[in-house]
Amino acid sequence: MKDTDERELVRKALAGDERAFRKMLESHYTLIYSIVRGVAGQHGETDDIVQDVFIKIFRALGNFRGDSRLSTWIYRIARNEALNAIDKRRPQVIPIDDCEELPAAGESPETLCRQRISRERLERFMERLDEKQRVAIELRYIGDKSYEEIAEIMDIPLGTVKTYIYRAKLSLKRMMMGAGAKAFEKGFGEL
């Protein structure tokens, strides 16, 4: 979205145009979700934090001066809300709606089990990454943002973004290889 389009959306949203505000949130939803998940991790409260970010954006929109891009301003709000949520984190409770669904036709239970174990392992390893690396890699692969967009959103040099993503991938690879070797040594084969 162009800067002029963003400024126009902000102007309309401040004037009370709900569709403009909704469009602004929809165009930044992936960014917000990626930041929240990258900072707070996967603890089942991501959607709640995202909703808090929406409320914070609504309340603070009048403070947006346009000195930076709207995405950079939103990044800061989302990051701060996620950090606040970490401070208030309560014991993890898994809602019944988050329970596993029945497998699709043709998928073997063994395949589903291996996929679930791999996904859970990757999520645990992601949580062990440095926050900045985790946010950068989430924005790149979940948020589908370019390196340039990530640099602008995080307000860091392009080279730093590349370094964060490279180091995150390297760390994840090491953790995955180490976990696979340990499982093999214990006799679990390829988990």
N, C-alpha and C. Protein backbone atom coordinates (compact mmCIF):
# COMPACT_ATOMS: atom_id res chain seq x y z
N MET A 1 0.84 -1.17 0.00
CA MET A 1 0.00 0.00 0.00
C MET A 1 0.89 1.23 0.00
N LYS A 2 0.56 2.21 -0.83
CA LYS A 2 1.34 3.43 -0.93
C LYS A 2 1.11 4.31 0.28
N ASP A 3 2.12 5.16 0.55
CA ASP A 3 2.02 6.09 1.69
C ASP A 3 0.80 6.99 1.58
N THR A 4 0.52 7.46 0.36
CA THR A 4 -0.64 8.35 0.19
C THR A 4 -1.93 7.61 0.46
N ASP A 5 -2.01 6.36 0.02
CA ASP A 5 -3.21 5.55 0.30
C ASP A 5 -3.36 5.32 1.80
N GLU A 6 -2.24 5.04 2.48
CA GLU A 6 -2.29 4.82 3.93
C GLU A 6 -2.75 6.08 4.65
N ARG A 7 -2.21 7.22 4.25
CA ARG A 7 -2.60 8.48 4.90
C ARG A 7 -4.09 8.77 4.68
N GLU A 8 -4.58 8.45 3.49
CA GLU A 8 -5.99 8.66 3.19
C GLU A 8 -6.86 7.73 4.04
N LEU A 9 -6.44 6.48 4.19
CA LEU A 9 -7.18 5.55 5.06
C LEU A 9 -7.20 6.06 6.50
N VAL A 10 -6.08 6.53 6.98
CA VAL A 10 -6.01 7.05 8.34
C VAL A 10 -6.93 8.25 8.48
N ARG A 11 -6.89 9.15 7.51
CA ARG A 11 -7.75 10.34 7.55
C ARG A 11 -9.22 9.95 7.60
N LYS A 12 -9.62 9.01 6.74
CA LYS A 12 -11.01 8.56 6.71
C LYS A 12 -11.39 7.85 8.01
N ALA A 13 -10.49 7.01 8.52
CA ALA A 13 -10.77 6.29 9.77
C ALA A 13 -10.95 7.26 10.92
N LEU A 14 -10.12 8.30 10.96
CA LEU A 14 -10.25 9.31 12.02
C LEU A 14 -11.54 10.10 11.89
N ALA A 15 -12.05 10.18 10.67
CA ALA A 15 -13.32 10.89 10.44
C ALA A 15 -14.52 10.00 10.75
N GLY A 16 -14.26 8.74 11.15
CA GLY A 16 -15.35 7.85 11.54
C GLY A 16 -15.75 6.82 10.50
N ASP A 17 -14.99 6.71 9.42
CA ASP A 17 -15.30 5.75 8.37
C ASP A 17 -14.85 4.35 8.81
N GLU A 18 -15.81 3.52 9.21
CA GLU A 18 -15.50 2.17 9.70
C GLU A 18 -14.88 1.30 8.63
N ARG A 19 -15.34 1.45 7.38
CA ARG A 19 -14.78 0.63 6.29
C ARG A 19 -13.30 0.95 6.08
N ALA A 20 -12.93 2.20 6.20
CA ALA A 20 -11.52 2.59 6.04
C ALA A 20 -10.69 1.97 7.16
N PHE A 21 -11.21 2.03 8.38
CA PHE A 21 -10.47 1.44 9.51
C PHE A 21 -10.34 -0.07 9.32
N ARG A 22 -11.42 -0.73 8.92
CA ARG A 22 -11.39 -2.18 8.69
C ARG A 22 -10.39 -2.53 7.59
N LYS A 23 -10.39 -1.75 6.51
CA LYS A 23 -9.45 -2.01 5.41
C LYS A 23 -8.00 -1.85 5.88
N MET A 24 -7.77 -0.83 6.73
CA MET A 24 -6.43 -0.61 7.26
C MET A 24 -5.99 -1.81 8.09
N LEU A 25 -6.86 -2.32 8.95
CA LEU A 25 -6.52 -3.48 9.77
C LEU A 25 -6.33 -4.73 8.92
N GLU A 26 -7.20 -4.94 7.95
CA GLU A 26 -7.09 -6.12 7.09
C GLU A 26 -5.77 -6.11 6.31
N SER A 27 -5.35 -4.95 5.85
CA SER A 27 -4.11 -4.89 5.07
C SER A 27 -2.87 -5.09 5.94
N HIS A 28 -3.02 -4.93 7.26
CA HIS A 28 -1.89 -5.10 8.17
C HIS A 28 -2.07 -6.31 9.09
N TYR A 29 -3.08 -7.12 8.86
CA TYR A 29 -3.36 -8.24 9.76
C TYR A 29 -2.18 -9.22 9.83
N THR A 30 -1.65 -9.62 8.69
CA THR A 30 -0.55 -10.59 8.67
C THR A 30 0.66 -10.04 9.41
N LEU A 31 0.93 -8.77 9.22
CA LEU A 31 2.04 -8.12 9.92
C LEU A 31 1.81 -8.19 11.43
N ILE A 32 0.64 -7.81 11.87
CA ILE A 32 0.32 -7.79 13.31
C ILE A 32 0.42 -9.20 13.88
N TYR A 33 -0.18 -10.17 13.20
CA TYR A 33 -0.18 -11.54 13.68
C TYR A 33 1.26 -12.08 13.78
N SER A 34 2.05 -11.82 12.77
CA SER A 34 3.44 -12.31 12.77
C SER A 34 4.25 -11.70 13.90
N ILE A 35 4.06 -10.42 14.14
CA ILE A 35 4.80 -9.76 15.21
C ILE A 35 4.40 -10.33 16.56
N VAL A 36 3.09 -10.42 16.79
CA VAL A 36 2.60 -10.92 18.07
C VAL A 36 3.09 -12.34 18.31
N ARG A 37 2.97 -13.19 17.31
CA ARG A 37 3.42 -14.57 17.47
C ARG A 37 4.93 -14.64 17.64
N GLY A 38 5.64 -13.79 16.91
CA GLY A 38 7.09 -13.78 17.03
C GLY A 38 7.58 -13.35 18.40
N VAL A 39 6.89 -12.40 19.01
CA VAL A 39 7.31 -11.90 20.32
C VAL A 39 6.77 -12.78 21.44
N ALA A 40 5.48 -13.09 21.39
CA ALA A 40 4.83 -13.80 22.50
C ALA A 40 4.94 -15.31 22.38
N GLY A 41 5.30 -15.81 21.22
CA GLY A 41 5.37 -17.25 21.04
C GLY A 41 3.99 -17.84 20.79
N GLN A 42 3.94 -19.13 20.65
CA GLN A 42 2.68 -19.83 20.36
C GLN A 42 2.11 -20.37 21.66
N HIS A 43 1.33 -19.56 22.33
CA HIS A 43 0.76 -19.96 23.61
C HIS A 43 -0.76 -19.91 23.62
N GLY A 44 -1.40 -19.92 22.48
CA GLY A 44 -2.85 -19.94 22.42
C GLY A 44 -3.50 -18.61 22.73
N GLU A 45 -2.71 -17.58 22.99
CA GLU A 45 -3.28 -16.28 23.30
C GLU A 45 -3.01 -15.27 22.19
N THR A 46 -2.47 -15.73 21.09
CA THR A 46 -2.11 -14.84 19.99
C THR A 46 -3.31 -14.04 19.50
N ASP A 47 -4.45 -14.71 19.30
CA ASP A 47 -5.63 -14.02 18.80
C ASP A 47 -6.11 -12.95 19.77
N ASP A 48 -6.02 -13.22 21.05
CA ASP A 48 -6.42 -12.23 22.06
C ASP A 48 -5.52 -11.00 22.01
N ILE A 49 -4.23 -11.24 21.87
CA ILE A 49 -3.28 -10.13 21.81
C ILE A 49 -3.52 -9.32 20.53
N VAL A 50 -3.78 -10.01 19.42
CA VAL A 50 -4.06 -9.32 18.16
C VAL A 50 -5.28 -8.41 18.33
N GLN A 51 -6.31 -8.90 19.01
CA GLN A 51 -7.49 -8.07 19.26
C GLN A 51 -7.13 -6.85 20.11
N ASP A 52 -6.27 -7.05 21.10
CA ASP A 52 -5.81 -5.92 21.92
C ASP A 52 -5.05 -4.90 21.08
N VAL A 53 -4.28 -5.40 20.11
CA VAL A 53 -3.55 -4.50 19.21
C VAL A 53 -4.55 -3.68 18.39
N PHE A 54 -5.59 -4.32 17.88
CA PHE A 54 -6.61 -3.60 17.11
C PHE A 54 -7.22 -2.47 17.94
N ILE A 55 -7.53 -2.77 19.18
CA ILE A 55 -8.13 -1.77 20.07
C ILE A 55 -7.16 -0.63 20.32
N LYS A 56 -5.90 -0.99 20.56
CA LYS A 56 -4.86 0.03 20.81
C LYS A 56 -4.69 0.92 19.58
N ILE A 57 -4.70 0.33 18.39
CA ILE A 57 -4.58 1.11 17.15
C ILE A 57 -5.76 2.07 17.03
N PHE A 58 -6.96 1.57 17.30
CA PHE A 58 -8.15 2.40 17.21
C PHE A 58 -8.05 3.60 18.16
N ARG A 59 -7.63 3.34 19.38
CA ARG A 59 -7.55 4.41 20.38
C ARG A 59 -6.41 5.38 20.11
N ALA A 60 -5.33 4.91 19.51
CA ALA A 60 -4.13 5.75 19.33
C ALA A 60 -4.02 6.33 17.93
N LEU A 61 -4.95 6.02 17.05
CA LEU A 61 -4.83 6.45 15.65
C LEU A 61 -4.68 7.96 15.53
N GLY A 62 -5.31 8.71 16.41
CA GLY A 62 -5.17 10.17 16.38
C GLY A 62 -3.76 10.64 16.67
N ASN A 63 -2.95 9.78 17.28
CA ASN A 63 -1.56 10.13 17.59
C ASN A 63 -0.60 9.83 16.44
N PHE A 64 -1.09 9.15 15.39
CA PHE A 64 -0.22 8.83 14.25
C PHE A 64 0.06 10.12 13.49
N ARG A 65 1.33 10.52 13.47
CA ARG A 65 1.72 11.80 12.86
C ARG A 65 2.13 11.64 11.40
N GLY A 66 2.42 10.43 10.96
CA GLY A 66 2.85 10.23 9.58
C GLY A 66 4.34 10.43 9.39
N ASP A 67 5.11 10.55 10.49
CA ASP A 67 6.57 10.69 10.38
C ASP A 67 7.21 9.41 9.83
N SER A 68 6.60 8.29 10.15
CA SER A 68 7.08 6.99 9.64
C SER A 68 5.93 6.35 8.87
N ARG A 69 6.22 5.22 8.27
CA ARG A 69 5.16 4.49 7.58
C ARG A 69 4.18 3.94 8.61
N LEU A 70 2.96 3.76 8.20
CA LEU A 70 1.92 3.22 9.08
C LEU A 70 2.33 1.84 9.59
N SER A 71 2.95 1.02 8.74
CA SER A 71 3.35 -0.32 9.15
C SER A 71 4.39 -0.27 10.27
N THR A 72 5.27 0.71 10.25
CA THR A 72 6.27 0.85 11.31
C THR A 72 5.60 1.24 12.62
N TRP A 73 4.64 2.13 12.56
CA TRP A 73 3.88 2.55 13.74
C TRP A 73 3.10 1.37 14.31
N ILE A 74 2.47 0.60 13.44
CA ILE A 74 1.70 -0.57 13.86
C ILE A 74 2.63 -1.62 14.45
N TYR A 75 3.81 -1.80 13.86
CA TYR A 75 4.79 -2.76 14.38
C TYR A 75 5.11 -2.45 15.84
N ARG A 76 5.33 -1.19 16.13
CA ARG A 76 5.69 -0.81 17.51
C ARG A 76 4.54 -1.10 18.48
N ILE A 77 3.32 -0.80 18.07
CA ILE A 77 2.16 -1.07 18.92
C ILE A 77 2.03 -2.57 19.16
N ALA A 78 2.11 -3.37 18.09
CA ALA A 78 1.96 -4.82 18.20
C ALA A 78 3.05 -5.41 19.09
N ARG A 79 4.27 -4.97 18.91
CA ARG A 79 5.39 -5.48 19.72
C ARG A 79 5.18 -5.14 21.19
N ASN A 80 4.80 -3.91 21.48
CA ASN A 80 4.60 -3.51 22.87
C ASN A 80 3.45 -4.28 23.51
N GLU A 81 2.37 -4.50 22.79
CA GLU A 81 1.24 -5.26 23.34
C GLU A 81 1.64 -6.71 23.61
N ALA A 82 2.43 -7.29 22.70
CA ALA A 82 2.89 -8.67 22.90
C ALA A 82 3.81 -8.75 24.12
N LEU A 83 4.69 -7.77 24.28
CA LEU A 83 5.57 -7.75 25.45
C LEU A 83 4.76 -7.59 26.74
N ASN A 84 3.73 -6.76 26.71
CA ASN A 84 2.86 -6.60 27.88
C ASN A 84 2.16 -7.92 28.21
N ALA A 85 1.74 -8.64 27.19
CA ALA A 85 1.05 -9.92 27.40
C ALA A 85 1.99 -10.94 28.03
N ILE A 86 3.26 -10.93 27.63
CA ILE A 86 4.24 -11.84 28.22
C ILE A 86 4.36 -11.57 29.71
N ASP A 87 4.37 -10.29 30.06
CA ASP A 87 4.48 -9.92 31.48
C ASP A 87 3.30 -10.43 32.29
N LYS A 88 2.13 -10.47 31.68
CA LYS A 88 0.92 -10.88 32.39
C LYS A 88 0.55 -12.34 32.15
N ARG A 89 1.43 -13.06 31.49
CA ARG A 89 1.10 -14.43 31.05
C ARG A 89 0.60 -15.27 32.21
N ARG A 90 -0.48 -15.93 31.95
CA ARG A 90 -1.09 -16.82 32.94
C ARG A 90 -0.78 -18.26 32.55
N PRO A 91 -1.04 -19.22 33.44
CA PRO A 91 -0.78 -20.61 33.08
C PRO A 91 -1.54 -20.99 31.80
N GLN A 92 -0.89 -21.81 30.98
CA GLN A 92 -1.48 -22.18 29.70
C GLN A 92 -2.65 -23.14 29.88
N VAL A 93 -3.78 -22.78 29.27
CA VAL A 93 -4.97 -23.61 29.27
C VAL A 93 -5.33 -23.84 27.80
N ILE A 94 -5.58 -25.06 27.43
CA ILE A 94 -5.92 -25.37 26.05
C ILE A 94 -7.43 -25.45 25.92
N PRO A 95 -8.05 -24.51 25.17
CA PRO A 95 -9.49 -24.56 24.98
C PRO A 95 -9.90 -25.80 24.19
N ILE A 96 -11.10 -26.26 24.43
CA ILE A 96 -11.59 -27.46 23.74
C ILE A 96 -11.60 -27.28 22.23
N ASP A 97 -11.77 -26.03 21.77
CA ASP A 97 -11.79 -25.76 20.33
C ASP A 97 -10.44 -26.00 19.69
N ASP A 98 -9.36 -26.01 20.47
CA ASP A 98 -8.02 -26.21 19.92
C ASP A 98 -7.61 -27.68 19.86
N CYS A 99 -8.49 -28.58 20.25
CA CYS A 99 -8.17 -30.01 20.22
C CYS A 99 -8.05 -30.48 18.77
N GLU A 100 -7.31 -31.53 18.59
CA GLU A 100 -7.05 -32.06 17.25
C GLU A 100 -8.34 -32.45 16.54
N GLU A 101 -8.37 -32.20 15.23
CA GLU A 101 -9.50 -32.61 14.41
C GLU A 101 -9.24 -34.00 13.85
N LEU A 102 -10.28 -34.62 13.34
CA LEU A 102 -10.13 -35.93 12.72
C LEU A 102 -9.32 -35.81 11.45
N PRO A 103 -8.52 -36.82 11.11
CA PRO A 103 -7.70 -36.74 9.91
C PRO A 103 -8.55 -36.75 8.65
N ALA A 104 -8.05 -36.11 7.60
CA ALA A 104 -8.71 -36.13 6.31
C ALA A 104 -8.58 -37.52 5.71
N ALA A 105 -9.49 -37.86 4.82
CA ALA A 105 -9.46 -39.17 4.18
C ALA A 105 -8.13 -39.37 3.47
N GLY A 106 -7.54 -40.53 3.65
CA GLY A 106 -6.30 -40.87 2.97
C GLY A 106 -5.04 -40.56 3.75
N GLU A 107 -5.15 -39.83 4.84
CA GLU A 107 -3.96 -39.52 5.64
C GLU A 107 -3.82 -40.58 6.74
N SER A 108 -2.65 -41.17 6.80
CA SER A 108 -2.44 -42.21 7.81
C SER A 108 -2.19 -41.57 9.18
N PRO A 109 -2.60 -42.23 10.23
CA PRO A 109 -2.34 -41.71 11.57
C PRO A 109 -0.85 -41.50 11.83
N GLU A 110 -0.02 -42.37 11.27
CA GLU A 110 1.43 -42.25 11.46
C GLU A 110 1.95 -40.95 10.82
N THR A 111 1.48 -40.66 9.61
CA THR A 111 1.89 -39.43 8.92
C THR A 111 1.44 -38.21 9.71
N LEU A 112 0.20 -38.23 10.16
CA LEU A 112 -0.32 -37.11 10.95
C LEU A 112 0.46 -36.92 12.24
N CYS A 113 0.81 -38.02 12.87
CA CYS A 113 1.57 -37.95 14.12
C CYS A 113 2.95 -37.35 13.87
N ARG A 114 3.62 -37.79 12.82
CA ARG A 114 4.95 -37.25 12.49
C ARG A 114 4.87 -35.75 12.17
N GLN A 115 3.83 -35.34 11.41
CA GLN A 115 3.65 -33.93 11.08
C GLN A 115 3.41 -33.10 12.34
N ARG A 116 2.57 -33.60 13.22
CA ARG A 116 2.25 -32.88 14.45
C ARG A 116 3.49 -32.74 15.33
N ILE A 117 4.25 -33.82 15.46
CA ILE A 117 5.47 -33.79 16.26
C ILE A 117 6.48 -32.80 15.67
N SER A 118 6.64 -32.81 14.34
CA SER A 118 7.57 -31.88 13.69
C SER A 118 7.13 -30.44 13.88
N ARG A 119 5.83 -30.17 13.73
CA ARG A 119 5.30 -28.83 13.90
C ARG A 119 5.50 -28.35 15.34
N GLU A 120 5.20 -29.21 16.31
CA GLU A 120 5.37 -28.84 17.72
C GLU A 120 6.84 -28.59 18.06
N ARG A 121 7.72 -29.43 17.50
CA ARG A 121 9.15 -29.26 17.75
C ARG A 121 9.63 -27.93 17.17
N LEU A 122 9.21 -27.62 15.95
CA LEU A 122 9.61 -26.36 15.32
C LEU A 122 9.11 -25.18 16.15
N GLU A 123 7.87 -25.23 16.64
CA GLU A 123 7.34 -24.14 17.46
C GLU A 123 8.14 -23.98 18.76
N ARG A 124 8.53 -25.10 19.38
CA ARG A 124 9.36 -25.02 20.60
C ARG A 124 10.71 -24.40 20.28
N PHE A 125 11.30 -24.79 19.16
CA PHE A 125 12.60 -24.25 18.78
C PHE A 125 12.47 -22.76 18.44
N MET A 126 11.39 -22.37 17.80
CA MET A 126 11.17 -20.96 17.47
C MET A 126 11.15 -20.11 18.74
N GLU A 127 10.54 -20.64 19.78
CA GLU A 127 10.45 -19.91 21.05
C GLU A 127 11.83 -19.70 21.68
N ARG A 128 12.78 -20.55 21.33
CA ARG A 128 14.12 -20.45 21.91
C ARG A 128 15.00 -19.44 21.18
N LEU A 129 14.54 -18.95 20.03
CA LEU A 129 15.30 -17.96 19.28
C LEU A 129 15.27 -16.62 20.00
N ASP A 130 16.27 -15.82 19.71
CA ASP A 130 16.29 -14.43 20.16
C ASP A 130 15.03 -13.75 19.59
N GLU A 131 14.43 -12.85 20.37
CA GLU A 131 13.17 -12.21 19.96
C GLU A 131 13.28 -11.54 18.58
N LYS A 132 14.35 -10.81 18.34
CA LYS A 132 14.48 -10.10 17.06
C LYS A 132 14.61 -11.08 15.90
N GLN A 133 15.33 -12.17 16.11
CA GLN A 133 15.45 -13.19 15.07
C GLN A 133 14.09 -13.84 14.82
N ARG A 134 13.36 -14.13 15.89
CA ARG A 134 12.05 -14.78 15.77
C ARG A 134 11.08 -13.88 15.03
N VAL A 135 11.05 -12.59 15.36
CA VAL A 135 10.14 -11.66 14.69
C VAL A 135 10.51 -11.56 13.21
N ALA A 136 11.80 -11.44 12.91
CA ALA A 136 12.23 -11.32 11.52
C ALA A 136 11.86 -12.56 10.71
N ILE A 137 12.07 -13.74 11.27
CA ILE A 137 11.78 -14.96 10.52
C ILE A 137 10.26 -15.17 10.39
N GLU A 138 9.50 -14.77 11.42
CA GLU A 138 8.04 -14.85 11.33
C GLU A 138 7.52 -13.91 10.25
N LEU A 139 8.05 -12.68 10.22
CA LEU A 139 7.61 -11.73 9.20
C LEU A 139 7.95 -12.24 7.80
N ARG A 140 9.10 -12.88 7.67
CA ARG A 140 9.54 -13.36 6.35
C ARG A 140 8.70 -14.55 5.87
N TYR A 141 8.52 -15.55 6.72
CA TYR A 141 7.92 -16.79 6.26
C TYR A 141 6.43 -16.93 6.58
N ILE A 142 5.95 -16.27 7.62
CA ILE A 142 4.51 -16.31 7.90
C ILE A 142 3.86 -15.05 7.34
N GLY A 143 4.53 -13.91 7.55
CA GLY A 143 4.00 -12.65 7.05
C GLY A 143 4.28 -12.42 5.58
N ASP A 144 5.13 -13.24 4.97
CA ASP A 144 5.47 -13.16 3.55
C ASP A 144 5.96 -11.76 3.16
N LYS A 145 6.79 -11.18 4.03
CA LYS A 145 7.33 -9.84 3.78
C LYS A 145 8.72 -9.96 3.16
N SER A 146 9.05 -8.98 2.33
CA SER A 146 10.39 -8.93 1.73
C SER A 146 11.38 -8.46 2.79
N TYR A 147 12.65 -8.66 2.51
CA TYR A 147 13.69 -8.21 3.43
C TYR A 147 13.59 -6.69 3.63
N GLU A 148 13.33 -5.97 2.54
CA GLU A 148 13.22 -4.52 2.62
C GLU A 148 12.05 -4.10 3.50
N GLU A 149 10.92 -4.79 3.36
CA GLU A 149 9.75 -4.47 4.19
C GLU A 149 10.03 -4.75 5.67
N ILE A 150 10.71 -5.85 5.93
CA ILE A 150 11.05 -6.19 7.32
C ILE A 150 11.97 -5.13 7.91
N ALA A 151 12.95 -4.68 7.12
CA ALA A 151 13.87 -3.65 7.60
C ALA A 151 13.10 -2.38 7.96
N GLU A 152 12.15 -2.02 7.12
CA GLU A 152 11.38 -0.82 7.38
C GLU A 152 10.45 -1.01 8.58
N ILE A 153 9.81 -2.14 8.67
CA ILE A 153 8.88 -2.41 9.77
C ILE A 153 9.61 -2.43 11.11
N MET A 154 10.76 -3.12 11.14
CA MET A 154 11.51 -3.25 12.39
C MET A 154 12.42 -2.05 12.65
N ASP A 155 12.51 -1.17 11.64
CA ASP A 155 13.33 0.03 11.74
C ASP A 155 14.80 -0.32 12.00
N ILE A 156 15.31 -1.25 11.17
CA ILE A 156 16.71 -1.67 11.26
C ILE A 156 17.28 -1.75 9.85
N PRO A 157 18.60 -1.74 9.71
CA PRO A 157 19.21 -1.83 8.38
C PRO A 157 18.91 -3.18 7.69
N LEU A 158 18.90 -3.15 6.38
CA LEU A 158 18.63 -4.34 5.58
C LEU A 158 19.62 -5.46 5.91
N GLY A 159 20.88 -5.12 6.08
CA GLY A 159 21.89 -6.13 6.40
C GLY A 159 21.61 -6.82 7.73
N THR A 160 21.06 -6.07 8.68
CA THR A 160 20.73 -6.65 9.98
C THR A 160 19.59 -7.65 9.84
N VAL A 161 18.61 -7.32 9.00
CA VAL A 161 17.50 -8.25 8.75
C VAL A 161 18.05 -9.55 8.19
N LYS A 162 18.91 -9.45 7.20
CA LYS A 162 19.50 -10.65 6.58
C LYS A 162 20.27 -11.46 7.62
N THR A 163 20.99 -10.77 8.49
CA THR A 163 21.74 -11.46 9.54
C THR A 163 20.82 -12.18 10.50
N TYR A 164 19.75 -11.49 10.95
CA TYR A 164 18.79 -12.10 11.87
C TYR A 164 18.18 -13.36 11.27
N ILE A 165 17.76 -13.27 10.02
CA ILE A 165 17.11 -14.41 9.38
C ILE A 165 18.11 -15.54 9.16
N TYR A 166 19.32 -15.22 8.72
CA TYR A 166 20.35 -16.24 8.52
C TYR A 166 20.66 -16.95 9.83
N ARG A 167 20.86 -16.18 10.90
CA ARG A 167 21.19 -16.78 12.19
C ARG A 167 20.03 -17.60 12.75
N ALA A 168 18.80 -17.11 12.53
CA ALA A 168 17.63 -17.86 13.00
C ALA A 168 17.53 -19.21 12.28
N LYS A 169 17.72 -19.19 10.96
CA LYS A 169 17.67 -20.44 10.18
C LYS A 169 18.78 -21.39 10.61
N LEU A 170 19.96 -20.85 10.84
CA LEU A 170 21.09 -21.67 11.27
C LEU A 170 20.80 -22.28 12.65
N SER A 171 20.29 -21.48 13.57
CA SER A 171 19.96 -21.99 14.90
C SER A 171 18.88 -23.06 14.84
N LEU A 172 17.85 -22.81 14.05
CA LEU A 172 16.77 -23.80 13.91
C LEU A 172 17.30 -25.11 13.32
N LYS A 173 18.17 -24.99 12.32
CA LYS A 173 18.75 -26.18 11.70
C LYS A 173 19.55 -26.98 12.73
N ARG A 174 20.36 -26.27 13.50
CA ARG A 174 21.17 -26.95 14.54
C ARG A 174 20.28 -27.63 15.57
N MET A 175 19.22 -26.92 16.00
CA MET A 175 18.32 -27.49 17.00
C MET A 175 17.59 -28.72 16.44
N MET A 176 17.13 -28.62 15.20
CA MET A 176 16.41 -29.73 14.57
C MET A 176 17.34 -30.93 14.39
N MET A 177 18.56 -30.68 13.95
CA MET A 177 19.50 -31.78 13.75
C MET A 177 19.89 -32.40 15.09
N GLY A 178 20.10 -31.57 16.09
CA GLY A 178 20.44 -32.06 17.42
C GLY A 178 19.32 -32.88 18.03
N ALA A 179 18.08 -32.43 17.85
CA ALA A 179 16.93 -33.16 18.40
C ALA A 179 16.75 -34.48 17.68
N GLY A 180 16.97 -34.47 16.36
CA GLY A 180 16.83 -35.71 15.59
C GLY A 180 17.87 -36.74 15.99
N ALA A 181 19.11 -36.29 16.21
CA ALA A 181 20.18 -37.20 16.61
C ALA A 181 19.92 -37.76 18.00
N LYS A 182 19.43 -36.92 18.92
CA LYS A 182 19.13 -37.40 20.27
C LYS A 182 18.00 -38.41 20.26
N ALA A 183 16.97 -38.17 19.43
CA ALA A 183 15.85 -39.13 19.36
C ALA A 183 16.34 -40.43 18.77
N PHE A 184 17.23 -40.40 17.77
CA PHE A 184 17.76 -41.61 17.17
C PHE A 184 18.58 -42.40 18.18
N GLU A 185 19.39 -41.70 18.97
CA GLU A 185 20.20 -42.36 19.99
C GLU A 185 19.34 -43.04 21.03
N LYS A 186 18.18 -42.47 21.31
CA LYS A 186 17.29 -43.06 22.31
C LYS A 186 16.44 -44.19 21.71
N GLY A 187 16.54 -44.39 20.41
CA GLY A 187 15.81 -45.48 19.78
C GLY A 187 14.44 -45.10 19.24
N PHE A 188 14.19 -43.82 19.03
CA PHE A 188 12.89 -43.40 18.53
C PHE A 188 12.88 -43.27 17.03
N GLY A 189 13.97 -43.50 16.38
CA GLY A 189 14.02 -43.39 14.93
C GLY A 189 13.89 -41.95 14.49
N GLU A 190 13.13 -41.71 13.42
CA GLU A 190 12.96 -40.37 12.86
C GLU A 190 11.71 -39.72 13.41
N LEU A 191 11.77 -39.09 14.54
CA LEU A 191 10.58 -38.37 15.05
C LEU A 191 10.49 -37.01 14.46
